[in-house]
Amino acid sequence: MIGSAVGLEYDAEANEVRYGNTFSFLDDGPEKPIRIWTRIGRRPVLACGNSNGDVPMLRFVQKHPRSLSLLVHHDDPDRDDPPYDKGAELALAAPGITTISVRDDWSTIFPAPA
């Protein structure tokens, strides 16, 4: 998994390295394919996202001959907030991306225990 990361801090008093409260780097938009390339040095076969900021990564993966670009559409009715369409409009309309609906598909992917 490649993505944004919380920064680390050195606590001199405790002589420990700990997670801080800021990002070390934030992968979003065109930075995503660049970060992927710097980490693995090739085009991956799978990418999964949930927003417009993931479109460059999802498109980058599509150039691999056996790729799968997945978009998780947070449209489940039990959310405290409205469906996660705002900020995902471009991703939902992007060609060649397989959309997984949390409302319609999630129970198929993660069935309830018997």
PDB file of N, CA and C in Angstrom:
ATOM      1  N   MET A   1       0.845  -1.152   0.000  1.00  0.00           N
ATOM      2  CA  MET A   1       0.000   0.000   0.000  1.00  0.00           C
ATOM      3  C   MET A   1       0.900   1.227   0.000  1.00  0.00           C
ATOM      4  N   ILE A   2       0.593   2.150  -0.874  1.00  0.00           N
ATOM      5  CA  ILE A   2       1.357   3.381  -0.989  1.00  0.00           C
ATOM      6  C   ILE A   2       0.384   4.530  -0.834  1.00  0.00           C
ATOM      7  N   GLY A   3       0.705   5.472   0.011  1.00  0.00           N
ATOM      8  CA  GLY A   3      -0.194   6.609   0.191  1.00  0.00           C
ATOM      9  C   GLY A   3       0.394   7.631   1.129  1.00  0.00           C
ATOM     10  N   SER A   4      -0.450   8.547   1.549  1.00  0.00           N
ATOM     11  CA  SER A   4      -0.038   9.598   2.470  1.00  0.00           C
ATOM     12  C   SER A   4       0.459   8.980   3.769  1.00  0.00           C
ATOM     13  N   ALA A   5       1.324   9.705   4.443  1.00  0.00           N
ATOM     14  CA  ALA A   5       1.887   9.176   5.683  1.00  0.00           C
ATOM     15  C   ALA A   5       1.966  10.261   6.747  1.00  0.00           C
ATOM     16  N   VAL A   6       1.648   9.865   7.961  1.00  0.00           N
ATOM     17  CA  VAL A   6       1.791  10.751   9.107  1.00  0.00           C
ATOM     18  C   VAL A   6       3.274  10.851   9.424  1.00  0.00           C
ATOM     19  N   GLY A   7       3.717  12.056   9.731  1.00  0.00           N
ATOM     20  CA  GLY A   7       5.124  12.274  10.020  1.00  0.00           C
ATOM     21  C   GLY A   7       5.554  11.677  11.341  1.00  0.00           C
ATOM     22  N   LEU A   8       6.832  11.410  11.429  1.00  0.00           N
ATOM     23  CA  LEU A   8       7.419  10.908  12.661  1.00  0.00           C
ATOM     24  C   LEU A   8       8.162  12.037  13.360  1.00  0.00           C
ATOM     25  N   GLU A   9       8.223  11.950  14.668  1.00  0.00           N
ATOM     26  CA  GLU A   9       8.931  12.952  15.469  1.00  0.00           C
ATOM     27  C   GLU A   9       9.819  12.237  16.473  1.00  0.00           C
ATOM     28  N   TYR A  10      10.932  12.857  16.783  1.00  0.00           N
ATOM     29  CA  TYR A  10      11.813  12.312  17.805  1.00  0.00           C
ATOM     30  C   TYR A  10      11.530  13.029  19.108  1.00  0.00           C
ATOM     31  N   ASP A  11      11.219  12.273  20.146  1.00  0.00           N
ATOM     32  CA  ASP A  11      10.983  12.806  21.485  1.00  0.00           C
ATOM     33  C   ASP A  11      12.276  12.596  22.264  1.00  0.00           C
ATOM     34  N   ALA A  12      13.076  13.671  22.383  1.00  0.00           N
ATOM     35  CA  ALA A  12      14.391  13.572  23.023  1.00  0.00           C
ATOM     36  C   ALA A  12      14.278  13.189  24.491  1.00  0.00           C
ATOM     37  N   GLU A  13      13.264  13.704  25.167  1.00  0.00           N
ATOM     38  CA  GLU A  13      13.097  13.421  26.596  1.00  0.00           C
ATOM     39  C   GLU A  13      12.847  11.931  26.838  1.00  0.00           C
ATOM     40  N   ALA A  14      11.997  11.315  26.001  1.00  0.00           N
ATOM     41  CA  ALA A  14      11.692   9.891  26.142  1.00  0.00           C
ATOM     42  C   ALA A  14      12.639   9.027  25.317  1.00  0.00           C
ATOM     43  N   ASN A  15      13.463   9.662  24.477  1.00  0.00           N
ATOM     44  CA  ASN A  15      14.372   8.958  23.583  1.00  0.00           C
ATOM     45  C   ASN A  15      13.616   7.949  22.715  1.00  0.00           C
ATOM     46  N   GLU A  16      12.492   8.418  22.136  1.00  0.00           N
ATOM     47  CA  GLU A  16      11.617   7.583  21.314  1.00  0.00           C
ATOM     48  C   GLU A  16      11.264   8.305  20.014  1.00  0.00           C
ATOM     49  N   VAL A  17      11.000   7.523  18.988  1.00  0.00           N
ATOM     50  CA  VAL A  17      10.439   8.047  17.750  1.00  0.00           C
ATOM     51  C   VAL A  17       8.957   7.727  17.781  1.00  0.00           C
ATOM     52  N   ARG A  18       8.133   8.757  17.560  1.00  0.00           N
ATOM     53  CA  ARG A  18       6.676   8.587  17.639  1.00  0.00           C
ATOM     54  C   ARG A  18       6.000   9.232  16.447  1.00  0.00           C
ATOM     55  N   TYR A  19       4.782   8.770  16.174  1.00  0.00           N
ATOM     56  CA  TYR A  19       3.980   9.419  15.147  1.00  0.00           C
ATOM     57  C   TYR A  19       3.580  10.801  15.624  1.00  0.00           C
ATOM     58  N   GLY A  20       3.701  11.769  14.729  1.00  0.00           N
ATOM     59  CA  GLY A  20       3.323  13.131  15.045  1.00  0.00           C
ATOM     60  C   GLY A  20       1.872  13.390  14.701  1.00  0.00           C
ATOM     61  N   ASN A  21       1.517  14.664  14.612  1.00  0.00           N
ATOM     62  CA  ASN A  21       0.135  15.019  14.291  1.00  0.00           C
ATOM     63  C   ASN A  21       0.044  15.781  12.969  1.00  0.00           C
ATOM     64  N   THR A  22       1.064  15.646  12.139  1.00  0.00           N
ATOM     65  CA  THR A  22       1.040  16.257  10.813  1.00  0.00           C
ATOM     66  C   THR A  22       1.479  15.216   9.784  1.00  0.00           C
ATOM     67  N   PHE A  23       1.135  15.473   8.527  1.00  0.00           N
ATOM     68  CA  PHE A  23       1.548  14.575   7.457  1.00  0.00           C
ATOM     69  C   PHE A  23       3.015  14.787   7.118  1.00  0.00           C
ATOM     70  N   SER A  24       3.709  13.696   6.890  1.00  0.00           N
ATOM     71  CA  SER A  24       5.063  13.761   6.364  1.00  0.00           C
ATOM     72  C   SER A  24       4.978  14.129   4.884  1.00  0.00           C
ATOM     73  N   PHE A  25       4.019  13.524   4.194  1.00  0.00           N
ATOM     74  CA  PHE A  25       3.692  13.893   2.822  1.00  0.00           C
ATOM     75  C   PHE A  25       2.246  13.514   2.566  1.00  0.00           C
ATOM     76  N   LEU A  26       1.611  14.246   1.682  1.00  0.00           N
ATOM     77  CA  LEU A  26       0.214  14.018   1.335  1.00  0.00           C
ATOM     78  C   LEU A  26       0.143  13.687  -0.145  1.00  0.00           C
ATOM     79  N   ASP A  27      -0.214  12.450  -0.443  1.00  0.00           N
ATOM     80  CA  ASP A  27      -0.377  12.030  -1.830  1.00  0.00           C
ATOM     81  C   ASP A  27      -1.781  12.368  -2.280  1.00  0.00           C
ATOM     82  N   ASP A  28      -1.891  13.191  -3.306  1.00  0.00           N
ATOM     83  CA  ASP A  28      -3.195  13.511  -3.863  1.00  0.00           C
ATOM     84  C   ASP A  28      -3.004  13.972  -5.293  1.00  0.00           C
ATOM     85  N   GLY A  29      -3.946  13.621  -6.144  1.00  0.00           N
ATOM     86  CA  GLY A  29      -3.908  14.060  -7.527  1.00  0.00           C
ATOM     87  C   GLY A  29      -2.697  13.533  -8.268  1.00  0.00           C
ATOM     88  N   PRO A  30      -2.027  14.410  -9.039  1.00  0.00           N
ATOM     89  CA  PRO A  30      -0.907  13.967  -9.868  1.00  0.00           C
ATOM     90  C   PRO A  30       0.307  13.470  -9.081  1.00  0.00           C
ATOM     91  N   GLU A  31       0.347  13.736  -7.796  1.00  0.00           N
ATOM     92  CA  GLU A  31       1.457  13.249  -6.964  1.00  0.00           C
ATOM     93  C   GLU A  31       1.384  11.736  -6.773  1.00  0.00           C
ATOM     94  N   LYS A  32       0.179  11.168  -6.842  1.00  0.00           N
ATOM     95  CA  LYS A  32       0.017   9.733  -6.588  1.00  0.00           C
ATOM     96  C   LYS A  32       0.809   8.857  -7.559  1.00  0.00           C
ATOM     97  N   PRO A  33       0.678   9.030  -8.888  1.00  0.00           N
ATOM     98  CA  PRO A  33       1.484   8.187  -9.780  1.00  0.00           C
ATOM     99  C   PRO A  33       2.988   8.371  -9.578  1.00  0.00           C
ATOM    100  N   ILE A  34       3.390   9.585  -9.265  1.00  0.00           N
ATOM    101  CA  ILE A  34       4.814   9.851  -9.028  1.00  0.00           C
ATOM    102  C   ILE A  34       5.286   9.095  -7.794  1.00  0.00           C
ATOM    103  N   ARG A  35       4.523   9.154  -6.720  1.00  0.00           N
ATOM    104  CA  ARG A  35       4.892   8.459  -5.472  1.00  0.00           C
ATOM    105  C   ARG A  35       4.936   6.949  -5.701  1.00  0.00           C
ATOM    106  N   ILE A  36       3.969   6.432  -6.464  1.00  0.00           N
ATOM    107  CA  ILE A  36       3.967   4.997  -6.772  1.00  0.00           C
ATOM    108  C   ILE A  36       5.244   4.621  -7.523  1.00  0.00           C
ATOM    109  N   TRP A  37       5.573   5.415  -8.533  1.00  0.00           N
ATOM    110  CA  TRP A  37       6.767   5.099  -9.340  1.00  0.00           C
ATOM    111  C   TRP A  37       8.040   5.165  -8.490  1.00  0.00           C
ATOM    112  N   THR A  38       8.146   6.142  -7.601  1.00  0.00           N
ATOM    113  CA  THR A  38       9.355   6.245  -6.778  1.00  0.00           C
ATOM    114  C   THR A  38       9.459   5.105  -5.773  1.00  0.00           C
ATOM    115  N   ARG A  39       8.338   4.515  -5.403  1.00  0.00           N
ATOM    116  CA  ARG A  39       8.350   3.426  -4.420  1.00  0.00           C
ATOM    117  C   ARG A  39       8.583   2.054  -5.057  1.00  0.00           C
ATOM    118  N   ILE A  40       7.947   1.778  -6.210  1.00  0.00           N
ATOM    119  CA  ILE A  40       8.060   0.429  -6.775  1.00  0.00           C
ATOM    120  C   ILE A  40       8.706   0.404  -8.156  1.00  0.00           C
ATOM    121  N   GLY A  41       8.866   1.564  -8.796  1.00  0.00           N
ATOM    122  CA  GLY A  41       9.589   1.627 -10.063  1.00  0.00           C
ATOM    123  C   GLY A  41       8.894   0.980 -11.244  1.00  0.00           C
ATOM    124  N   ARG A  42       7.605   0.808 -11.164  1.00  0.00           N
ATOM    125  CA  ARG A  42       6.842   0.250 -12.282  1.00  0.00           C
ATOM    126  C   ARG A  42       5.367   0.597 -12.122  1.00  0.00           C
ATOM    127  N   ARG A  43       4.624   0.292 -13.162  1.00  0.00           N
ATOM    128  CA  ARG A  43       3.188   0.559 -13.166  1.00  0.00           C
ATOM    129  C   ARG A  43       2.488  -0.599 -12.458  1.00  0.00           C
ATOM    130  N   PRO A  44       1.701  -0.331 -11.431  1.00  0.00           N
ATOM    131  CA  PRO A  44       1.021  -1.423 -10.721  1.00  0.00           C
ATOM    132  C   PRO A  44      -0.144  -1.984 -11.540  1.00  0.00           C
ATOM    133  N   VAL A  45      -0.638  -3.126 -11.130  1.00  0.00           N
ATOM    134  CA  VAL A  45      -1.777  -3.734 -11.810  1.00  0.00           C
ATOM    135  C   VAL A  45      -3.090  -3.399 -11.113  1.00  0.00           C
ATOM    136  N   LEU A  46      -3.054  -2.918  -9.884  1.00  0.00           N
ATOM    137  CA  LEU A  46      -4.259  -2.638  -9.115  1.00  0.00           C
ATOM    138  C   LEU A  46      -4.145  -1.303  -8.404  1.00  0.00           C
ATOM    139  N   ALA A  47      -5.209  -0.539  -8.480  1.00  0.00           N
ATOM    140  CA  ALA A  47      -5.308   0.690  -7.689  1.00  0.00           C
ATOM    141  C   ALA A  47      -6.741   0.811  -7.206  1.00  0.00           C
ATOM    142  N   CYS A  48      -6.898   1.354  -6.019  1.00  0.00           N
ATOM    143  CA  CYS A  48      -8.223   1.546  -5.442  1.00  0.00           C
ATOM    144  C   CYS A  48      -8.271   2.925  -4.815  1.00  0.00           C
ATOM    145  N   GLY A  49      -9.349   3.640  -5.074  1.00  0.00           N
ATOM    146  CA  GLY A  49      -9.508   4.976  -4.525  1.00  0.00           C
ATOM    147  C   GLY A  49     -10.957   5.264  -4.213  1.00  0.00           C
ATOM    148  N   ASN A  50     -11.217   6.510  -3.773  1.00  0.00           N
ATOM    149  CA  ASN A  50     -12.592   6.881  -3.449  1.00  0.00           C
ATOM    150  C   ASN A  50     -12.911   8.343  -3.735  1.00  0.00           C
ATOM    151  N   SER A  51     -12.027   9.060  -4.443  1.00  0.00           N
ATOM    152  CA  SER A  51     -12.290  10.481  -4.657  1.00  0.00           C
ATOM    153  C   SER A  51     -11.634  10.973  -5.939  1.00  0.00           C
ATOM    154  N   ASN A  52     -11.936  12.236  -6.269  1.00  0.00           N
ATOM    155  CA  ASN A  52     -11.348  12.856  -7.457  1.00  0.00           C
ATOM    156  C   ASN A  52      -9.824  12.878  -7.390  1.00  0.00           C
ATOM    157  N   GLY A  53      -9.262  12.987  -6.211  1.00  0.00           N
ATOM    158  CA  GLY A  53      -7.815  13.013  -6.056  1.00  0.00           C
ATOM    159  C   GLY A  53      -7.151  11.700  -6.441  1.00  0.00           C
ATOM    160  N   ASP A  54      -7.949  10.646  -6.589  1.00  0.00           N
ATOM    161  CA  ASP A  54      -7.415   9.336  -6.964  1.00  0.00           C
ATOM    162  C   ASP A  54      -7.436   9.094  -8.472  1.00  0.00           C
ATOM    163  N   VAL A  55      -8.081   9.958  -9.241  1.00  0.00           N
ATOM    164  CA  VAL A  55      -8.215   9.738 -10.687  1.00  0.00           C
ATOM    165  C   VAL A  55      -6.862   9.591 -11.385  1.00  0.00           C
ATOM    166  N   PRO A  56      -5.852  10.443 -11.134  1.00  0.00           N
ATOM    167  CA  PRO A  56      -4.566  10.239 -11.813  1.00  0.00           C
ATOM    168  C   PRO A  56      -3.962   8.857 -11.538  1.00  0.00           C
ATOM    169  N   MET A  57      -4.067   8.381 -10.320  1.00  0.00           N
ATOM    170  CA  MET A  57      -3.547   7.064  -9.974  1.00  0.00           C
ATOM    171  C   MET A  57      -4.345   5.976 -10.685  1.00  0.00           C
ATOM    172  N   LEU A  58      -5.666   6.080 -10.679  1.00  0.00           N
ATOM    173  CA  LEU A  58      -6.516   5.080 -11.322  1.00  0.00           C
ATOM    174  C   LEU A  58      -6.269   5.040 -12.828  1.00  0.00           C
ATOM    175  N   ARG A  59      -6.053   6.182 -13.439  1.00  0.00           N
ATOM    176  CA  ARG A  59      -5.754   6.243 -14.870  1.00  0.00           C
ATOM    177  C   ARG A  59      -4.354   5.700 -15.167  1.00  0.00           C
ATOM    178  N   PHE A  60      -3.388   5.986 -14.307  1.00  0.00           N
ATOM    179  CA  PHE A  60      -2.016   5.519 -14.469  1.00  0.00           C
ATOM    180  C   PHE A  60      -1.973   3.986 -14.516  1.00  0.00           C
ATOM    181  N   VAL A  61      -2.717   3.359 -13.644  1.00  0.00           N
ATOM    182  CA  VAL A  61      -2.765   1.901 -13.573  1.00  0.00           C
ATOM    183  C   VAL A  61      -3.365   1.312 -14.849  1.00  0.00           C
ATOM    184  N   GLN A  62      -4.315   2.003 -15.448  1.00  0.00           N
ATOM    185  CA  GLN A  62      -5.021   1.482 -16.624  1.00  0.00           C
ATOM    186  C   GLN A  62      -4.106   1.201 -17.810  1.00  0.00           C
ATOM    187  N   LYS A  63      -2.944   1.787 -17.854  1.00  0.00           N
ATOM    188  CA  LYS A  63      -2.043   1.553 -18.978  1.00  0.00           C
ATOM    189  C   LYS A  63      -1.353   0.186 -18.884  1.00  0.00           C
ATOM    190  N   HIS A  64      -1.425  -0.458 -17.731  1.00  0.00           N
ATOM    191  CA  HIS A  64      -0.907  -1.824 -17.600  1.00  0.00           C
ATOM    192  C   HIS A  64      -1.894  -2.745 -18.323  1.00  0.00           C
ATOM    193  N   PRO A  65      -1.398  -3.721 -19.090  1.00  0.00           N
ATOM    194  CA  PRO A  65      -2.309  -4.554 -19.888  1.00  0.00           C
ATOM    195  C   PRO A  65      -3.286  -5.410 -19.072  1.00  0.00           C
ATOM    196  N   ARG A  66      -2.969  -5.704 -17.824  1.00  0.00           N
ATOM    197  CA  ARG A  66      -3.857  -6.515 -16.984  1.00  0.00           C
ATOM    198  C   ARG A  66      -4.254  -5.745 -15.730  1.00  0.00           C
ATOM    199  N   SER A  67      -4.701  -4.526 -15.899  1.00  0.00           N
ATOM    200  CA  SER A  67      -4.949  -3.661 -14.752  1.00  0.00           C
ATOM    201  C   SER A  67      -6.383  -3.743 -14.244  1.00  0.00           C
ATOM    202  N   LEU A  68      -6.549  -3.281 -13.012  1.00  0.00           N
ATOM    203  CA  LEU A  68      -7.860  -3.125 -12.412  1.00  0.00           C
ATOM    204  C   LEU A  68      -7.841  -1.836 -11.600  1.00  0.00           C
ATOM    205  N   SER A  69      -8.703  -0.907 -11.990  1.00  0.00           N
ATOM    206  CA  SER A  69      -8.868   0.352 -11.268  1.00  0.00           C
ATOM    207  C   SER A  69     -10.214   0.315 -10.573  1.00  0.00           C
ATOM    208  N   LEU A  70     -10.196   0.369  -9.241  1.00  0.00           N
ATOM    209  CA  LEU A  70     -11.420   0.279  -8.449  1.00  0.00           C
ATOM    210  C   LEU A  70     -11.719   1.598  -7.758  1.00  0.00           C
ATOM    211  N   LEU A  71     -12.978   1.978  -7.778  1.00  0.00           N
ATOM    212  CA  LEU A  71     -13.435   3.167  -7.072  1.00  0.00           C
ATOM    213  C   LEU A  71     -14.493   2.739  -6.072  1.00  0.00           C
ATOM    214  N   VAL A  72     -14.259   2.992  -4.793  1.00  0.00           N
ATOM    215  CA  VAL A  72     -15.242   2.689  -3.760  1.00  0.00           C
ATOM    216  C   VAL A  72     -16.175   3.891  -3.657  1.00  0.00           C
ATOM    217  N   HIS A  73     -17.442   3.662  -3.983  1.00  0.00           N
ATOM    218  CA  HIS A  73     -18.457   4.716  -3.920  1.00  0.00           C
ATOM    219  C   HIS A  73     -19.174   4.608  -2.578  1.00  0.00           C
ATOM    220  N   HIS A  74     -18.940   5.570  -1.708  1.00  0.00           N
ATOM    221  CA  HIS A  74     -19.513   5.568  -0.364  1.00  0.00           C
ATOM    222  C   HIS A  74     -20.940   6.098  -0.421  1.00  0.00           C
ATOM    223  N   ASP A  75     -21.856   5.258  -0.886  1.00  0.00           N
ATOM    224  CA  ASP A  75     -23.258   5.657  -1.039  1.00  0.00           C
ATOM    225  C   ASP A  75     -24.180   4.902  -0.091  1.00  0.00           C
ATOM    226  N   ASP A  76     -23.618   4.344   0.960  1.00  0.00           N
ATOM    227  CA  ASP A  76     -24.417   3.573   1.901  1.00  0.00           C
ATOM    228  C   ASP A  76     -25.367   4.477   2.682  1.00  0.00           C
ATOM    229  N   PRO A  77     -26.577   4.003   2.936  1.00  0.00           N
ATOM    230  CA  PRO A  77     -27.590   4.838   3.583  1.00  0.00           C
ATOM    231  C   PRO A  77     -27.372   5.038   5.076  1.00  0.00           C
ATOM    232  N   ASP A  78     -26.531   4.244   5.710  1.00  0.00           N
ATOM    233  CA  ASP A  78     -26.341   4.327   7.159  1.00  0.00           C
ATOM    234  C   ASP A  78     -25.245   5.292   7.574  1.00  0.00           C
ATOM    235  N   ARG A  79     -24.830   6.138   6.643  1.00  0.00           N
ATOM    236  CA  ARG A  79     -23.762   7.093   6.940  1.00  0.00           C
ATOM    237  C   ARG A  79     -24.311   8.264   7.753  1.00  0.00           C
ATOM    238  N   ASP A  80     -23.465   8.850   8.584  1.00  0.00           N
ATOM    239  CA  ASP A  80     -23.850  10.050   9.326  1.00  0.00           C
ATOM    240  C   ASP A  80     -23.881  11.270   8.415  1.00  0.00           C
ATOM    241  N   ASP A  81     -23.141  11.196   7.323  1.00  0.00           N
ATOM    242  CA  ASP A  81     -23.097  12.304   6.373  1.00  0.00           C
ATOM    243  C   ASP A  81     -23.723  11.836   5.054  1.00  0.00           C
ATOM    244  N   PRO A  82     -23.997  12.756   4.139  1.00  0.00           N
ATOM    245  CA  PRO A  82     -24.599  12.351   2.872  1.00  0.00           C
ATOM    246  C   PRO A  82     -23.641  11.483   2.049  1.00  0.00           C
ATOM    247  N   PRO A  83     -24.153  10.800   1.010  1.00  0.00           N
ATOM    248  CA  PRO A  83     -23.263   9.975   0.192  1.00  0.00           C
ATOM    249  C   PRO A  83     -22.033  10.745  -0.252  1.00  0.00           C
ATOM    250  N   TYR A  84     -20.929  10.036  -0.322  1.00  0.00           N
ATOM    251  CA  TYR A  84     -19.628  10.632  -0.624  1.00  0.00           C
ATOM    252  C   TYR A  84     -19.502  10.860  -2.127  1.00  0.00           C
ATOM    253  N   ASP A  85     -20.421  11.676  -2.661  1.00  0.00           N
ATOM    254  CA  ASP A  85     -20.375  12.020  -4.081  1.00  0.00           C
ATOM    255  C   ASP A  85     -19.654  13.343  -4.279  1.00  0.00           C
ATOM    256  N   LYS A  86     -19.805  14.240  -3.334  1.00  0.00           N
ATOM    257  CA  LYS A  86     -19.131  15.531  -3.435  1.00  0.00           C
ATOM    258  C   LYS A  86     -17.636  15.282  -3.258  1.00  0.00           C
ATOM    259  N   GLY A  87     -16.877  15.676  -4.260  1.00  0.00           N
ATOM    260  CA  GLY A  87     -15.444  15.395  -4.246  1.00  0.00           C
ATOM    261  C   GLY A  87     -15.100  14.112  -4.979  1.00  0.00           C
ATOM    262  N   ALA A  88     -16.125  13.417  -5.486  1.00  0.00           N
ATOM    263  CA  ALA A  88     -15.879  12.186  -6.244  1.00  0.00           C
ATOM    264  C   ALA A  88     -16.575  12.229  -7.601  1.00  0.00           C
ATOM    265  N   GLU A  89     -17.098  13.383  -7.998  1.00  0.00           N
ATOM    266  CA  GLU A  89     -17.862  13.488  -9.246  1.00  0.00           C
ATOM    267  C   GLU A  89     -17.040  13.081 -10.464  1.00  0.00           C
ATOM    268  N   LEU A  90     -15.817  13.562 -10.558  1.00  0.00           N
ATOM    269  CA  LEU A  90     -14.950  13.221 -11.696  1.00  0.00           C
ATOM    270  C   LEU A  90     -14.588  11.742 -11.687  1.00  0.00           C
ATOM    271  N   ALA A  91     -14.309  11.212 -10.517  1.00  0.00           N
ATOM    272  CA  ALA A  91     -13.941   9.802 -10.407  1.00  0.00           C
ATOM    273  C   ALA A  91     -15.111   8.905 -10.800  1.00  0.00           C
ATOM    274  N   LEU A  92     -16.326   9.277 -10.393  1.00  0.00           N
ATOM    275  CA  LEU A  92     -17.498   8.472 -10.721  1.00  0.00           C
ATOM    276  C   LEU A  92     -17.782   8.467 -12.219  1.00  0.00           C
ATOM    277  N   ALA A  93     -17.368   9.513 -12.925  1.00  0.00           N
ATOM    278  CA  ALA A  93     -17.617   9.625 -14.363  1.00  0.00           C
ATOM    279  C   ALA A  93     -16.433   9.176 -15.221  1.00  0.00           C
ATOM    280  N   ALA A  94     -15.308   8.838 -14.606  1.00  0.00           N
ATOM    281  CA  ALA A  94     -14.104   8.482 -15.359  1.00  0.00           C
ATOM    282  C   ALA A  94     -14.286   7.150 -16.078  1.00  0.00           C
ATOM    283  N   PRO A  95     -13.860   7.060 -17.331  1.00  0.00           N
ATOM    284  CA  PRO A  95     -14.027   5.810 -18.084  1.00  0.00           C
ATOM    285  C   PRO A  95     -13.068   4.712 -17.631  1.00  0.00           C
ATOM    286  N   GLY A  96     -13.527   3.478 -17.714  1.00  0.00           N
ATOM    287  CA  GLY A  96     -12.676   2.326 -17.455  1.00  0.00           C
ATOM    288  C   GLY A  96     -12.416   2.021 -15.998  1.00  0.00           C
ATOM    289  N   ILE A  97     -13.102   2.701 -15.102  1.00  0.00           N
ATOM    290  CA  ILE A  97     -12.906   2.468 -13.669  1.00  0.00           C
ATOM    291  C   ILE A  97     -14.084   1.646 -13.157  1.00  0.00           C
ATOM    292  N   THR A  98     -13.796   0.556 -12.469  1.00  0.00           N
ATOM    293  CA  THR A  98     -14.838  -0.286 -11.892  1.00  0.00           C
ATOM    294  C   THR A  98     -15.277   0.324 -10.571  1.00  0.00           C
ATOM    295  N   THR A  99     -16.561   0.622 -10.457  1.00  0.00           N
ATOM    296  CA  THR A  99     -17.090   1.245  -9.248  1.00  0.00           C
ATOM    297  C   THR A  99     -17.726   0.191  -8.355  1.00  0.00           C
ATOM    298  N   ILE A 100     -17.359   0.231  -7.087  1.00  0.00           N
ATOM    299  CA  ILE A 100     -17.937  -0.646  -6.071  1.00  0.00           C
ATOM    300  C   ILE A 100     -18.845   0.219  -5.206  1.00  0.00           C
ATOM    301  N   SER A 101     -20.116  -0.087  -5.184  1.00  0.00           N
ATOM    302  CA  SER A 101     -21.082   0.635  -4.366  1.00  0.00           C
ATOM    303  C   SER A 101     -21.119   0.023  -2.974  1.00  0.00           C
ATOM    304  N   VAL A 102     -20.893   0.843  -1.963  1.00  0.00           N
ATOM    305  CA  VAL A 102     -20.975   0.331  -0.598  1.00  0.00           C
ATOM    306  C   VAL A 102     -22.411  -0.110  -0.321  1.00  0.00           C
ATOM    307  N   ARG A 103     -23.375   0.633  -0.800  1.00  0.00           N
ATOM    308  CA  ARG A 103     -24.790   0.305  -0.588  1.00  0.00           C
ATOM    309  C   ARG A 103     -25.170  -1.013  -1.271  1.00  0.00           C
ATOM    310  N   ASP A 104     -24.750  -1.187  -2.538  1.00  0.00           N
ATOM    311  CA  ASP A 104     -25.223  -2.327  -3.329  1.00  0.00           C
ATOM    312  C   ASP A 104     -24.286  -3.525  -3.350  1.00  0.00           C
ATOM    313  N   ASP A 105     -22.995  -3.305  -3.185  1.00  0.00           N
ATOM    314  CA  ASP A 105     -22.014  -4.378  -3.393  1.00  0.00           C
ATOM    315  C   ASP A 105     -21.292  -4.847  -2.140  1.00  0.00           C
ATOM    316  N   TRP A 106     -21.293  -4.057  -1.083  1.00  0.00           N
ATOM    317  CA  TRP A 106     -20.430  -4.347   0.063  1.00  0.00           C
ATOM    318  C   TRP A 106     -20.753  -5.689   0.710  1.00  0.00           C
ATOM    319  N   SER A 107     -22.035  -6.050   0.788  1.00  0.00           N
ATOM    320  CA  SER A 107     -22.384  -7.321   1.427  1.00  0.00           C
ATOM    321  C   SER A 107     -21.937  -8.511   0.586  1.00  0.00           C
ATOM    322  N   THR A 108     -21.736  -8.311  -0.722  1.00  0.00           N
ATOM    323  CA  THR A 108     -21.196  -9.368  -1.566  1.00  0.00           C
ATOM    324  C   THR A 108     -19.701  -9.531  -1.315  1.00  0.00           C
ATOM    325  N   ILE A 109     -19.024  -8.394  -1.134  1.00  0.00           N
ATOM    326  CA  ILE A 109     -17.581  -8.412  -0.907  1.00  0.00           C
ATOM    327  C   ILE A 109     -17.269  -8.878   0.517  1.00  0.00           C
ATOM    328  N   PHE A 110     -18.043  -8.365   1.481  1.00  0.00           N
ATOM    329  CA  PHE A 110     -17.858  -8.714   2.888  1.00  0.00           C
ATOM    330  C   PHE A 110     -19.173  -9.235   3.458  1.00  0.00           C
ATOM    331  N   PRO A 111     -19.505 -10.513   3.223  1.00  0.00           N
ATOM    332  CA  PRO A 111     -20.783 -11.044   3.711  1.00  0.00           C
ATOM    333  C   PRO A 111     -20.834 -11.044   5.230  1.00  0.00           C
ATOM    334  N   ALA A 112     -22.054 -10.886   5.743  1.00  0.00           N
ATOM    335  CA  ALA A 112     -22.253 -10.932   7.189  1.00  0.00           C
ATOM    336  C   ALA A 112     -21.929 -12.332   7.707  1.00  0.00           C
ATOM    337  N   PRO A 113     -21.346 -12.433   8.886  1.00  0.00           N
ATOM    338  CA  PRO A 113     -21.027 -13.758   9.434  1.00  0.00           C
ATOM    339  C   PRO A 113     -22.319 -14.573   9.628  1.00  0.00           C
ATOM    340  N   ALA A 114     -22.222 -15.859   9.404  1.00  0.00           N
ATOM    341  CA  ALA A 114     -23.403 -16.733   9.526  1.00  0.00           C
ATOM    342  C   ALA A 114     -23.677 -17.088  10.955  1.00  0.00           C
TER     343      ALA A 114
END
